[in-house]
Amino acid sequence: MRDSPALAHKLHELGATVTVTDPRALDNARKTHPELDYIDDPIAAVQDADLLLHLTERPPFSPIDPHRLATRAGQPRVIGSLGTLNPATWREAGWTFRALGRP
């Protein structure tokens, strides 16, 4: 969530419904951007999502099983920003995978 609040807020301004999860940063994020939706459970946060933005390398996020998440997502699409997700694993699980700074 270090740089993520501004991105989440901008997406919200553009009309997206944004659900934020990061158990270590939710309290501060809620204070800064109360207009966003917040949830403690990273698995539940993916429910019916059209896009997952992976913006932290901390557990419990990087080791999450993409097969498990794919069954919850509305559209299994993910953008990884830190290079910590394995593109082949996510694509094999049915996700459209993009990574910032990578072809």
PDB file of N, CA and C in Angstrom:
ATOM      1  N   MET A   1       0.803  -1.209   0.000  1.00  0.00           N
ATOM      2  CA  MET A   1       0.000   0.000   0.000  1.00  0.00           C
ATOM      3  C   MET A   1       0.846   1.274   0.000  1.00  0.00           C
ATOM      4  N   ARG A   2       2.166   1.178  -0.076  1.00  0.00           N
ATOM      5  CA  ARG A   2       2.976   2.395  -0.027  1.00  0.00           C
ATOM      6  C   ARG A   2       2.565   3.398  -1.089  1.00  0.00           C
ATOM      7  N   ASP A   3       2.583   3.004  -2.353  1.00  0.00           N
ATOM      8  CA  ASP A   3       2.208   3.895  -3.440  1.00  0.00           C
ATOM      9  C   ASP A   3       0.811   3.588  -3.962  1.00  0.00           C
ATOM     10  N   SER A   4       0.214   2.569  -3.457  1.00  0.00           N
ATOM     11  CA  SER A   4      -1.060   2.091  -3.971  1.00  0.00           C
ATOM     12  C   SER A   4      -2.252   2.999  -3.688  1.00  0.00           C
ATOM     13  N   PRO A   5      -2.303   3.714  -2.564  1.00  0.00           N
ATOM     14  CA  PRO A   5      -3.497   4.535  -2.304  1.00  0.00           C
ATOM     15  C   PRO A   5      -3.809   5.528  -3.409  1.00  0.00           C
ATOM     16  N   ALA A   6      -2.812   6.175  -3.942  1.00  0.00           N
ATOM     17  CA  ALA A   6      -3.058   7.151  -5.003  1.00  0.00           C
ATOM     18  C   ALA A   6      -3.605   6.464  -6.253  1.00  0.00           C
ATOM     19  N   LEU A   7      -3.073   5.303  -6.582  1.00  0.00           N
ATOM     20  CA  LEU A   7      -3.568   4.553  -7.731  1.00  0.00           C
ATOM     21  C   LEU A   7      -5.002   4.102  -7.498  1.00  0.00           C
ATOM     22  N   ALA A   8      -5.284   3.557  -6.337  1.00  0.00           N
ATOM     23  CA  ALA A   8      -6.641   3.110  -6.008  1.00  0.00           C
ATOM     24  C   ALA A   8      -7.615   4.283  -6.062  1.00  0.00           C
ATOM     25  N   HIS A   9      -7.217   5.411  -5.526  1.00  0.00           N
ATOM     26  CA  HIS A   9      -8.074   6.599  -5.539  1.00  0.00           C
ATOM     27  C   HIS A   9      -8.340   7.059  -6.976  1.00  0.00           C
ATOM     28  N   LYS A  10      -7.314   7.058  -7.818  1.00  0.00           N
ATOM     29  CA  LYS A  10      -7.476   7.479  -9.213  1.00  0.00           C
ATOM     30  C   LYS A  10      -8.427   6.536  -9.946  1.00  0.00           C
ATOM     31  N   LEU A  11      -8.288   5.240  -9.736  1.00  0.00           N
ATOM     32  CA  LEU A  11      -9.196   4.278 -10.362  1.00  0.00           C
ATOM     33  C   LEU A  11     -10.634   4.530  -9.913  1.00  0.00           C
ATOM     34  N   HIS A  12     -10.797   4.834  -8.638  1.00  0.00           N
ATOM     35  CA  HIS A  12     -12.127   5.154  -8.108  1.00  0.00           C
ATOM     36  C   HIS A  12     -12.683   6.409  -8.787  1.00  0.00           C
ATOM     37  N   GLU A  13     -11.855   7.425  -8.931  1.00  0.00           N
ATOM     38  CA  GLU A  13     -12.287   8.657  -9.609  1.00  0.00           C
ATOM     39  C   GLU A  13     -12.730   8.393 -11.042  1.00  0.00           C
ATOM     40  N   LEU A  14     -12.113   7.408 -11.675  1.00  0.00           N
ATOM     41  CA  LEU A  14     -12.440   7.066 -13.056  1.00  0.00           C
ATOM     42  C   LEU A  14     -13.676   6.168 -13.161  1.00  0.00           C
ATOM     43  N   GLY A  15     -14.256   5.818 -12.011  1.00  0.00           N
ATOM     44  CA  GLY A  15     -15.495   5.049 -12.016  1.00  0.00           C
ATOM     45  C   GLY A  15     -15.389   3.605 -11.589  1.00  0.00           C
ATOM     46  N   ALA A  16     -14.210   3.156 -11.256  1.00  0.00           N
ATOM     47  CA  ALA A  16     -14.034   1.764 -10.822  1.00  0.00           C
ATOM     48  C   ALA A  16     -14.507   1.585  -9.384  1.00  0.00           C
ATOM     49  N   THR A  17     -15.038   0.413  -9.108  1.00  0.00           N
ATOM     50  CA  THR A  17     -15.283   0.016  -7.728  1.00  0.00           C
ATOM     51  C   THR A  17     -13.988  -0.623  -7.255  1.00  0.00           C
ATOM     52  N   VAL A  18     -13.370  -0.053  -6.254  1.00  0.00           N
ATOM     53  CA  VAL A  18     -12.055  -0.489  -5.809  1.00  0.00           C
ATOM     54  C   VAL A  18     -12.178  -1.127  -4.428  1.00  0.00           C
ATOM     55  N   THR A  19     -11.715  -2.373  -4.334  1.00  0.00           N
ATOM     56  CA  THR A  19     -11.653  -3.063  -3.052  1.00  0.00           C
ATOM     57  C   THR A  19     -10.187  -3.242  -2.705  1.00  0.00           C
ATOM     58  N   VAL A  20      -9.787  -2.743  -1.562  1.00  0.00           N
ATOM     59  CA  VAL A  20      -8.396  -2.745  -1.132  1.00  0.00           C
ATOM     60  C   VAL A  20      -8.225  -3.754  -0.011  1.00  0.00           C
ATOM     61  N   THR A  21      -7.119  -4.498  -0.088  1.00  0.00           N
ATOM     62  CA  THR A  21      -6.785  -5.395   1.010  1.00  0.00           C
ATOM     63  C   THR A  21      -5.284  -5.373   1.260  1.00  0.00           C
ATOM     64  N   ASP A  22      -4.924  -5.210   2.478  1.00  0.00           N
ATOM     65  CA  ASP A  22      -3.541  -5.299   2.960  1.00  0.00           C
ATOM     66  C   ASP A  22      -3.639  -5.184   4.473  1.00  0.00           C
ATOM     67  N   PRO A  23      -3.680  -6.320   5.161  1.00  0.00           N
ATOM     68  CA  PRO A  23      -3.924  -6.296   6.603  1.00  0.00           C
ATOM     69  C   PRO A  23      -3.027  -5.349   7.393  1.00  0.00           C
ATOM     70  N   ARG A  24      -1.808  -5.104   6.922  1.00  0.00           N
ATOM     71  CA  ARG A  24      -0.901  -4.234   7.664  1.00  0.00           C
ATOM     72  C   ARG A  24      -1.113  -2.757   7.353  1.00  0.00           C
ATOM     73  N   ALA A  25      -1.901  -2.434   6.334  1.00  0.00           N
ATOM     74  CA  ALA A  25      -2.020  -1.025   5.945  1.00  0.00           C
ATOM     75  C   ALA A  25      -3.457  -0.518   5.890  1.00  0.00           C
ATOM     76  N   LEU A  26      -4.429  -1.357   6.193  1.00  0.00           N
ATOM     77  CA  LEU A  26      -5.822  -0.955   6.025  1.00  0.00           C
ATOM     78  C   LEU A  26      -6.222   0.241   6.882  1.00  0.00           C
ATOM     79  N   ASP A  27      -5.788   0.288   8.114  1.00  0.00           N
ATOM     80  CA  ASP A  27      -6.191   1.398   8.982  1.00  0.00           C
ATOM     81  C   ASP A  27      -5.746   2.744   8.420  1.00  0.00           C
ATOM     82  N   ASN A  28      -4.493   2.830   7.994  1.00  0.00           N
ATOM     83  CA  ASN A  28      -3.994   4.086   7.424  1.00  0.00           C
ATOM     84  C   ASN A  28      -4.682   4.407   6.104  1.00  0.00           C
ATOM     85  N   ALA A  29      -4.896   3.394   5.286  1.00  0.00           N
ATOM     86  CA  ALA A  29      -5.551   3.621   3.996  1.00  0.00           C
ATOM     87  C   ALA A  29      -6.984   4.105   4.184  1.00  0.00           C
ATOM     88  N   ARG A  30      -7.695   3.526   5.138  1.00  0.00           N
ATOM     89  CA  ARG A  30      -9.079   3.955   5.412  1.00  0.00           C
ATOM     90  C   ARG A  30      -9.139   5.431   5.801  1.00  0.00           C
ATOM     91  N   LYS A  31      -8.169   5.871   6.576  1.00  0.00           N
ATOM     92  CA  LYS A  31      -8.136   7.270   6.998  1.00  0.00           C
ATOM     93  C   LYS A  31      -7.867   8.195   5.810  1.00  0.00           C
ATOM     94  N   THR A  32      -6.973   7.777   4.936  1.00  0.00           N
ATOM     95  CA  THR A  32      -6.571   8.598   3.808  1.00  0.00           C
ATOM     96  C   THR A  32      -7.612   8.598   2.688  1.00  0.00           C
ATOM     97  N   HIS A  33      -8.212   7.423   2.433  1.00  0.00           N
ATOM     98  CA  HIS A  33      -9.166   7.277   1.324  1.00  0.00           C
ATOM     99  C   HIS A  33     -10.419   6.537   1.799  1.00  0.00           C
ATOM    100  N   PRO A  34     -11.264   7.186   2.575  1.00  0.00           N
ATOM    101  CA  PRO A  34     -12.465   6.518   3.101  1.00  0.00           C
ATOM    102  C   PRO A  34     -13.489   6.166   2.018  1.00  0.00           C
ATOM    103  N   GLU A  35     -13.333   6.715   0.818  1.00  0.00           N
ATOM    104  CA  GLU A  35     -14.283   6.441  -0.263  1.00  0.00           C
ATOM    105  C   GLU A  35     -14.100   5.058  -0.894  1.00  0.00           C
ATOM    106  N   LEU A  36     -13.000   4.383  -0.597  1.00  0.00           N
ATOM    107  CA  LEU A  36     -12.737   3.061  -1.155  1.00  0.00           C
ATOM    108  C   LEU A  36     -13.341   1.975  -0.271  1.00  0.00           C
ATOM    109  N   ASP A  37     -13.497   0.784  -0.848  1.00  0.00           N
ATOM    110  CA  ASP A  37     -13.967  -0.366  -0.078  1.00  0.00           C
ATOM    111  C   ASP A  37     -12.754  -1.117   0.455  1.00  0.00           C
ATOM    112  N   TYR A  38     -12.870  -1.629   1.675  1.00  0.00           N
ATOM    113  CA  TYR A  38     -11.756  -2.329   2.308  1.00  0.00           C
ATOM    114  C   TYR A  38     -12.220  -3.683   2.819  1.00  0.00           C
ATOM    115  N   ILE A  39     -11.327  -4.673   2.732  1.00  0.00           N
ATOM    116  CA  ILE A  39     -11.630  -6.008   3.215  1.00  0.00           C
ATOM    117  C   ILE A  39     -10.340  -6.618   3.761  1.00  0.00           C
ATOM    118  N   ASP A  40     -10.449  -7.333   4.860  1.00  0.00           N
ATOM    119  CA  ASP A  40      -9.263  -7.926   5.493  1.00  0.00           C
ATOM    120  C   ASP A  40      -8.759  -9.183   4.792  1.00  0.00           C
ATOM    121  N   ASP A  41      -9.652  -9.924   4.162  1.00  0.00           N
ATOM    122  CA  ASP A  41      -9.309 -11.223   3.575  1.00  0.00           C
ATOM    123  C   ASP A  41      -8.923 -11.077   2.102  1.00  0.00           C
ATOM    124  N   PRO A  42      -7.667 -11.348   1.753  1.00  0.00           N
ATOM    125  CA  PRO A  42      -7.239 -11.186   0.362  1.00  0.00           C
ATOM    126  C   PRO A  42      -7.938 -12.131  -0.613  1.00  0.00           C
ATOM    127  N   ILE A  43      -8.357 -13.295  -0.151  1.00  0.00           N
ATOM    128  CA  ILE A  43      -9.082 -14.219  -1.023  1.00  0.00           C
ATOM    129  C   ILE A  43     -10.471 -13.647  -1.321  1.00  0.00           C
ATOM    130  N   ALA A  44     -11.160 -13.193  -0.308  1.00  0.00           N
ATOM    131  CA  ALA A  44     -12.496 -12.625  -0.478  1.00  0.00           C
ATOM    132  C   ALA A  44     -12.453 -11.342  -1.308  1.00  0.00           C
ATOM    133  N   ALA A  45     -11.365 -10.625  -1.276  1.00  0.00           N
ATOM    134  CA  ALA A  45     -11.255  -9.368  -2.020  1.00  0.00           C
ATOM    135  C   ALA A  45     -11.327  -9.582  -3.533  1.00  0.00           C
ATOM    136  N   VAL A  46     -11.031 -10.768  -3.986  1.00  0.00           N
ATOM    137  CA  VAL A  46     -11.027 -11.073  -5.417  1.00  0.00           C
ATOM    138  C   VAL A  46     -12.431 -11.417  -5.933  1.00  0.00           C
ATOM    139  N   GLN A  47     -13.365 -11.643  -5.025  1.00  0.00           N
ATOM    140  CA  GLN A  47     -14.710 -12.065  -5.421  1.00  0.00           C
ATOM    141  C   GLN A  47     -15.313 -11.141  -6.473  1.00  0.00           C
ATOM    142  N   ASP A  48     -15.635 -11.701  -7.624  1.00  0.00           N
ATOM    143  CA  ASP A  48     -16.273 -10.997  -8.750  1.00  0.00           C
ATOM    144  C   ASP A  48     -15.431  -9.866  -9.338  1.00  0.00           C
ATOM    145  N   ALA A  49     -14.158  -9.820  -9.042  1.00  0.00           N
ATOM    146  CA  ALA A  49     -13.292  -8.754  -9.558  1.00  0.00           C
ATOM    147  C   ALA A  49     -13.040  -8.925 -11.052  1.00  0.00           C
ATOM    148  N   ASP A  50     -12.977  -7.815 -11.754  1.00  0.00           N
ATOM    149  CA  ASP A  50     -12.639  -7.824 -13.174  1.00  0.00           C
ATOM    150  C   ASP A  50     -11.142  -7.655 -13.401  1.00  0.00           C
ATOM    151  N   LEU A  51     -10.442  -7.203 -12.375  1.00  0.00           N
ATOM    152  CA  LEU A  51      -8.998  -7.012 -12.478  1.00  0.00           C
ATOM    153  C   LEU A  51      -8.396  -7.055 -11.079  1.00  0.00           C
ATOM    154  N   LEU A  52      -7.308  -7.792 -10.967  1.00  0.00           N
ATOM    155  CA  LEU A  52      -6.548  -7.856  -9.720  1.00  0.00           C
ATOM    156  C   LEU A  52      -5.237  -7.115  -9.944  1.00  0.00           C
ATOM    157  N   LEU A  53      -4.970  -6.142  -9.088  1.00  0.00           N
ATOM    158  CA  LEU A  53      -3.684  -5.451  -9.111  1.00  0.00           C
ATOM    159  C   LEU A  53      -2.863  -5.987  -7.946  1.00  0.00           C
ATOM    160  N   HIS A  54      -1.743  -6.606  -8.248  1.00  0.00           N
ATOM    161  CA  HIS A  54      -0.858  -7.155  -7.220  1.00  0.00           C
ATOM    162  C   HIS A  54       0.238  -6.128  -6.981  1.00  0.00           C
ATOM    163  N   LEU A  55       0.145  -5.422  -5.835  1.00  0.00           N
ATOM    164  CA  LEU A  55       1.011  -4.274  -5.606  1.00  0.00           C
ATOM    165  C   LEU A  55       1.907  -4.410  -4.383  1.00  0.00           C
ATOM    166  N   THR A  56       2.035  -5.612  -3.845  1.00  0.00           N
ATOM    167  CA  THR A  56       2.917  -5.814  -2.697  1.00  0.00           C
ATOM    168  C   THR A  56       3.549  -7.194  -2.772  1.00  0.00           C
ATOM    169  N   GLU A  57       4.745  -7.297  -2.257  1.00  0.00           N
ATOM    170  CA  GLU A  57       5.438  -8.585  -2.244  1.00  0.00           C
ATOM    171  C   GLU A  57       5.252  -9.329  -0.923  1.00  0.00           C
ATOM    172  N   ARG A  58       4.596  -8.704   0.026  1.00  0.00           N
ATOM    173  CA  ARG A  58       4.464  -9.291   1.361  1.00  0.00           C
ATOM    174  C   ARG A  58       3.487 -10.457   1.381  1.00  0.00           C
ATOM    175  N   PRO A  59       3.780 -11.424   2.264  1.00  0.00           N
ATOM    176  CA  PRO A  59       2.773 -12.449   2.524  1.00  0.00           C
ATOM    177  C   PRO A  59       1.567 -11.761   3.143  1.00  0.00           C
ATOM    178  N   PRO A  60       0.386 -12.169   2.913  1.00  0.00           N
ATOM    179  CA  PRO A  60      -0.015 -13.421   2.273  1.00  0.00           C
ATOM    180  C   PRO A  60      -0.268 -13.297   0.786  1.00  0.00           C
ATOM    181  N   PHE A  61       0.225 -12.274   0.117  1.00  0.00           N
ATOM    182  CA  PHE A  61      -0.173 -12.020  -1.250  1.00  0.00           C
ATOM    183  C   PHE A  61       0.613 -12.779  -2.306  1.00  0.00           C
ATOM    184  N   SER A  62       1.916 -12.749  -2.281  1.00  0.00           N
ATOM    185  CA  SER A  62       2.702 -13.397  -3.330  1.00  0.00           C
ATOM    186  C   SER A  62       2.493 -14.911  -3.421  1.00  0.00           C
ATOM    187  N   PRO A  63       2.372 -15.616  -2.309  1.00  0.00           N
ATOM    188  CA  PRO A  63       2.215 -17.070  -2.432  1.00  0.00           C
ATOM    189  C   PRO A  63       0.778 -17.555  -2.670  1.00  0.00           C
ATOM    190  N   ILE A  64      -0.172 -16.666  -2.883  1.00  0.00           N
ATOM    191  CA  ILE A  64      -1.559 -17.080  -3.087  1.00  0.00           C
ATOM    192  C   ILE A  64      -1.660 -17.935  -4.348  1.00  0.00           C
ATOM    193  N   ASP A  65      -2.439 -19.000  -4.268  1.00  0.00           N
ATOM    194  CA  ASP A  65      -2.635 -19.928  -5.376  1.00  0.00           C
ATOM    195  C   ASP A  65      -3.560 -19.304  -6.426  1.00  0.00           C
ATOM    196  N   PRO A  66      -3.059 -19.051  -7.640  1.00  0.00           N
ATOM    197  CA  PRO A  66      -3.889 -18.422  -8.664  1.00  0.00           C
ATOM    198  C   PRO A  66      -5.063 -19.295  -9.109  1.00  0.00           C
ATOM    199  N   HIS A  67      -4.943 -20.619  -8.986  1.00  0.00           N
ATOM    200  CA  HIS A  67      -6.070 -21.501  -9.318  1.00  0.00           C
ATOM    201  C   HIS A  67      -7.245 -21.235  -8.366  1.00  0.00           C
ATOM    202  N   ARG A  68      -6.925 -21.089  -7.101  1.00  0.00           N
ATOM    203  CA  ARG A  68      -7.957 -20.815  -6.087  1.00  0.00           C
ATOM    204  C   ARG A  68      -8.634 -19.470  -6.345  1.00  0.00           C
ATOM    205  N   LEU A  69      -7.845 -18.483  -6.717  1.00  0.00           N
ATOM    206  CA  LEU A  69      -8.397 -17.152  -6.966  1.00  0.00           C
ATOM    207  C   LEU A  69      -9.224 -17.095  -8.245  1.00  0.00           C
ATOM    208  N   ALA A  70      -8.830 -17.855  -9.254  1.00  0.00           N
ATOM    209  CA  ALA A  70      -9.511 -17.802 -10.552  1.00  0.00           C
ATOM    210  C   ALA A  70     -10.985 -18.165 -10.432  1.00  0.00           C
ATOM    211  N   THR A  71     -11.312 -19.051  -9.505  1.00  0.00           N
ATOM    212  CA  THR A  71     -12.709 -19.463  -9.347  1.00  0.00           C
ATOM    213  C   THR A  71     -13.548 -18.356  -8.723  1.00  0.00           C
ATOM    214  N   ARG A  72     -12.925 -17.383  -8.101  1.00  0.00           N
ATOM    215  CA  ARG A  72     -13.642 -16.284  -7.449  1.00  0.00           C
ATOM    216  C   ARG A  72     -13.751 -15.038  -8.330  1.00  0.00           C
ATOM    217  N   ALA A  73     -12.786 -14.852  -9.199  1.00  0.00           N
ATOM    218  CA  ALA A  73     -12.741 -13.629  -9.999  1.00  0.00           C
ATOM    219  C   ALA A  73     -13.854 -13.599 -11.032  1.00  0.00           C
ATOM    220  N   GLY A  74     -14.396 -12.405 -11.267  1.00  0.00           N
ATOM    221  CA  GLY A  74     -15.357 -12.233 -12.343  1.00  0.00           C
ATOM    222  C   GLY A  74     -14.670 -12.401 -13.691  1.00  0.00           C
ATOM    223  N   GLN A  75     -13.525 -11.774 -13.838  1.00  0.00           N
ATOM    224  CA  GLN A  75     -12.655 -11.881 -15.013  1.00  0.00           C
ATOM    225  C   GLN A  75     -11.260 -12.157 -14.468  1.00  0.00           C
ATOM    226  N   PRO A  76     -10.680 -13.303 -14.747  1.00  0.00           N
ATOM    227  CA  PRO A  76      -9.344 -13.590 -14.204  1.00  0.00           C
ATOM    228  C   PRO A  76      -8.244 -12.832 -14.953  1.00  0.00           C
ATOM    229  N   ARG A  77      -8.075 -11.565 -14.557  1.00  0.00           N
ATOM    230  CA  ARG A  77      -7.033 -10.711 -15.129  1.00  0.00           C
ATOM    231  C   ARG A  77      -6.215 -10.135 -13.987  1.00  0.00           C
ATOM    232  N   VAL A  78      -4.905 -10.173 -14.152  1.00  0.00           N
ATOM    233  CA  VAL A  78      -4.027  -9.669 -13.094  1.00  0.00           C
ATOM    234  C   VAL A  78      -2.915  -8.822 -13.706  1.00  0.00           C
ATOM    235  N   ILE A  79      -2.588  -7.753 -12.993  1.00  0.00           N
ATOM    236  CA  ILE A  79      -1.413  -6.952 -13.321  1.00  0.00           C
ATOM    237  C   ILE A  79      -0.490  -7.030 -12.108  1.00  0.00           C
ATOM    238  N   GLY A  80       0.702  -7.538 -12.325  1.00  0.00           N
ATOM    239  CA  GLY A  80       1.708  -7.610 -11.274  1.00  0.00           C
ATOM    240  C   GLY A  80       2.661  -6.434 -11.417  1.00  0.00           C
ATOM    241  N   SER A  81       2.968  -5.784 -10.318  1.00  0.00           N
ATOM    242  CA  SER A  81       3.817  -4.595 -10.407  1.00  0.00           C
ATOM    243  C   SER A  81       5.227  -4.799  -9.878  1.00  0.00           C
ATOM    244  N   LEU A  82       5.491  -5.912  -9.236  1.00  0.00           N
ATOM    245  CA  LEU A  82       6.788  -6.052  -8.563  1.00  0.00           C
ATOM    246  C   LEU A  82       7.646  -7.199  -9.073  1.00  0.00           C
ATOM    247  N   GLY A  83       7.133  -7.950 -10.024  1.00  0.00           N
ATOM    248  CA  GLY A  83       7.906  -9.076 -10.539  1.00  0.00           C
ATOM    249  C   GLY A  83       7.961 -10.259  -9.600  1.00  0.00           C
ATOM    250  N   THR A  84       7.068 -10.329  -8.618  1.00  0.00           N
ATOM    251  CA  THR A  84       7.092 -11.431  -7.663  1.00  0.00           C
ATOM    252  C   THR A  84       6.152 -12.569  -8.037  1.00  0.00           C
ATOM    253  N   LEU A  85       5.290 -12.350  -9.026  1.00  0.00           N
ATOM    254  CA  LEU A  85       4.379 -13.404  -9.462  1.00  0.00           C
ATOM    255  C   LEU A  85       4.975 -14.129 -10.658  1.00  0.00           C
ATOM    256  N   ASN A  86       4.756 -15.424 -10.723  1.00  0.00           N
ATOM    257  CA  ASN A  86       5.254 -16.216 -11.836  1.00  0.00           C
ATOM    258  C   ASN A  86       4.233 -16.171 -12.973  1.00  0.00           C
ATOM    259  N   PRO A  87       4.539 -15.505 -14.075  1.00  0.00           N
ATOM    260  CA  PRO A  87       3.573 -15.361 -15.165  1.00  0.00           C
ATOM    261  C   PRO A  87       3.053 -16.698 -15.689  1.00  0.00           C
ATOM    262  N   ALA A  88       3.932 -17.689 -15.842  1.00  0.00           N
ATOM    263  CA  ALA A  88       3.516 -18.992 -16.375  1.00  0.00           C
ATOM    264  C   ALA A  88       2.502 -19.660 -15.452  1.00  0.00           C
ATOM    265  N   THR A  89       2.711 -19.576 -14.165  1.00  0.00           N
ATOM    266  CA  THR A  89       1.796 -20.186 -13.193  1.00  0.00           C
ATOM    267  C   THR A  89       0.430 -19.525 -13.267  1.00  0.00           C
ATOM    268  N   TRP A  90       0.395 -18.213 -13.339  1.00  0.00           N
ATOM    269  CA  TRP A  90      -0.879 -17.484 -13.392  1.00  0.00           C
ATOM    270  C   TRP A  90      -1.600 -17.752 -14.705  1.00  0.00           C
ATOM    271  N   ARG A  91      -0.856 -17.765 -15.803  1.00  0.00           N
ATOM    272  CA  ARG A  91      -1.493 -18.045 -17.099  1.00  0.00           C
ATOM    273  C   ARG A  91      -2.021 -19.469 -17.153  1.00  0.00           C
ATOM    274  N   GLU A  92      -1.273 -20.398 -16.607  1.00  0.00           N
ATOM    275  CA  GLU A  92      -1.704 -21.804 -16.553  1.00  0.00           C
ATOM    276  C   GLU A  92      -3.002 -21.949 -15.754  1.00  0.00           C
ATOM    277  N   ALA A  93      -3.200 -21.080 -14.769  1.00  0.00           N
ATOM    278  CA  ALA A  93      -4.406 -21.107 -13.936  1.00  0.00           C
ATOM    279  C   ALA A  93      -5.578 -20.386 -14.614  1.00  0.00           C
ATOM    280  N   GLY A  94      -5.367 -19.881 -15.836  1.00  0.00           N
ATOM    281  CA  GLY A  94      -6.451 -19.263 -16.578  1.00  0.00           C
ATOM    282  C   GLY A  94      -6.499 -17.748 -16.535  1.00  0.00           C
ATOM    283  N   TRP A  95      -5.487 -17.137 -15.957  1.00  0.00           N
ATOM    284  CA  TRP A  95      -5.458 -15.680 -15.833  1.00  0.00           C
ATOM    285  C   TRP A  95      -4.833 -15.032 -17.065  1.00  0.00           C
ATOM    286  N   THR A  96      -5.352 -13.885 -17.454  1.00  0.00           N
ATOM    287  CA  THR A  96      -4.648 -13.005 -18.372  1.00  0.00           C
ATOM    288  C   THR A  96      -3.673 -12.245 -17.499  1.00  0.00           C
ATOM    289  N   PHE A  97      -2.393 -12.398 -17.767  1.00  0.00           N
ATOM    290  CA  PHE A  97      -1.348 -11.862 -16.892  1.00  0.00           C
ATOM    291  C   PHE A  97      -0.568 -10.771 -17.617  1.00  0.00           C
ATOM    292  N   ARG A  98      -0.417  -9.649 -16.958  1.00  0.00           N
ATOM    293  CA  ARG A  98       0.435  -8.562 -17.434  1.00  0.00           C
ATOM    294  C   ARG A  98       1.320  -8.141 -16.262  1.00  0.00           C
ATOM    295  N   ALA A  99       2.528  -7.697 -16.597  1.00  0.00           N
ATOM    296  CA  ALA A  99       3.442  -7.231 -15.560  1.00  0.00           C
ATOM    297  C   ALA A  99       3.990  -5.865 -15.974  1.00  0.00           C
ATOM    298  N   LEU A 100       3.988  -4.945 -15.055  1.00  0.00           N
ATOM    299  CA  LEU A 100       4.538  -3.623 -15.336  1.00  0.00           C
ATOM    300  C   LEU A 100       6.029  -3.746 -15.601  1.00  0.00           C
ATOM    301  N   GLY A 101       6.487  -3.094 -16.644  1.00  0.00           N
ATOM    302  CA  GLY A 101       7.901  -3.088 -16.959  1.00  0.00           C
ATOM    303  C   GLY A 101       8.398  -4.337 -17.650  1.00  0.00           C
ATOM    304  N   ARG A 102       7.483  -5.226 -18.054  1.00  0.00           N
ATOM    305  CA  ARG A 102       7.866  -6.453 -18.762  1.00  0.00           C
ATOM    306  C   ARG A 102       7.078  -6.559 -20.053  1.00  0.00           C
ATOM    307  N   PRO A 103       7.687  -7.209 -21.059  1.00  0.00           N
ATOM    308  CA  PRO A 103       6.936  -7.385 -22.312  1.00  0.00           C
ATOM    309  C   PRO A 103       5.770  -8.352 -22.140  1.00  0.00           C
TER     310      PRO A 103
END
